[in-house]
Protein backbone atom coordinates (compact mmCIF):
# COMPACT_ATOMS: atom_id res chain seq x y z
CA MET A 1 168.32 138.40 323.43
CA ASN A 2 167.92 136.90 320.19
CA GLN A 3 170.74 138.16 317.04
CA ASP A 4 170.60 138.19 314.00
CA VAL A 5 173.09 135.82 311.92
CA LEU A 6 175.02 137.52 309.60
CA ILE A 7 177.47 136.82 306.82
CA ILE A 8 179.58 139.49 305.72
CA THR A 9 182.28 138.17 302.29
CA GLY A 10 185.71 140.20 301.88
CA ALA A 11 185.11 141.11 305.77
CA THR A 12 189.35 141.52 305.84
CA GLY A 13 189.47 144.07 303.56
CA PHE A 14 188.68 148.22 304.10
CA LEU A 15 185.01 148.00 304.62
CA GLY A 16 184.53 144.79 305.30
CA SER A 17 186.14 144.37 307.78
CA ALA A 18 185.06 148.16 308.99
CA ILE A 19 181.13 147.00 308.76
CA THR A 20 181.69 143.43 310.38
CA ILE A 21 183.59 145.63 313.49
CA ASP A 22 181.25 147.41 313.90
CA LEU A 23 177.76 144.94 312.88
CA ALA A 24 179.46 142.43 315.97
CA HIS A 25 178.72 144.50 318.36
CA ASP A 26 174.70 143.55 318.29
CA HIS A 27 175.23 140.69 315.70
CA ARG A 28 176.76 137.48 315.50
CA ILE A 29 178.97 137.14 312.68
CA ILE A 30 180.07 134.99 310.05
CA ALA A 31 182.54 136.71 307.83
CA ILE A 32 184.21 135.40 305.17
CA ASP A 33 187.19 136.10 302.88
CA ARG A 34 189.86 134.42 300.58
CA ARG A 35 192.77 135.69 303.61
CA GLU A 36 193.35 135.24 306.90
CA PRO A 37 192.46 137.99 309.41
CA GLY A 38 195.18 139.42 310.71
CA LYS A 39 195.60 140.12 314.61
CA ALA A 40 194.31 143.00 315.04
CA LEU A 41 190.94 142.54 313.38
CA ARG A 42 190.41 139.30 315.10
CA HIS A 43 190.84 141.34 318.31
CA ALA A 44 188.61 143.91 317.20
CA ALA A 45 185.93 141.90 316.46
CA PRO A 46 186.64 139.19 318.39
CA GLY A 47 183.26 136.35 318.87
CA VAL A 48 182.98 136.59 315.47
CA ARG A 49 183.50 133.29 313.80
CA TRP A 50 186.24 133.83 310.76
CA GLU A 51 186.19 131.60 307.84
CA GLN A 52 189.08 132.06 305.41
CA LEU A 53 187.32 130.25 301.84
CA ASP A 54 186.77 131.71 298.21
CA ILE A 55 182.80 132.36 297.83
CA ALA A 56 183.25 131.10 294.27
CA ASP A 57 184.19 127.79 295.83
CA ARG A 58 180.18 126.75 296.28
CA GLN A 59 180.52 123.25 298.11
CA ALA A 60 182.22 125.04 300.64
CA VAL A 61 179.58 129.09 300.75
CA ALA A 62 176.60 125.85 301.30
CA ALA A 63 178.76 124.07 304.23
CA SER A 64 178.82 127.97 306.46
CA PHE A 65 175.11 128.40 305.71
CA GLN A 66 175.02 124.70 306.62
CA TYR A 67 177.11 125.21 309.84
CA ALA A 68 174.77 129.09 310.22
CA HIS A 69 171.60 126.87 310.32
CA SER A 70 172.75 124.33 312.36
CA GLN A 71 174.02 127.04 315.47
CA TRP A 72 171.71 129.28 315.30
CA GLY A 73 169.10 128.07 313.24
């Protein structure tokens, strides 16, 4: 099955974590946040790629998108 790749920012916050967990069932997720996700969140969404970075950092965001493109087109 060909899954969409979604990038979610604020993924460890209250809303972002709920969205990440829900969408991870049917999509490939790259979850971005300045904070490291807790163990419970990682366990609730085991297939998610977690990236700890600040979205104000253009180079870090570009690298994240480049990784997604190289892995999933």
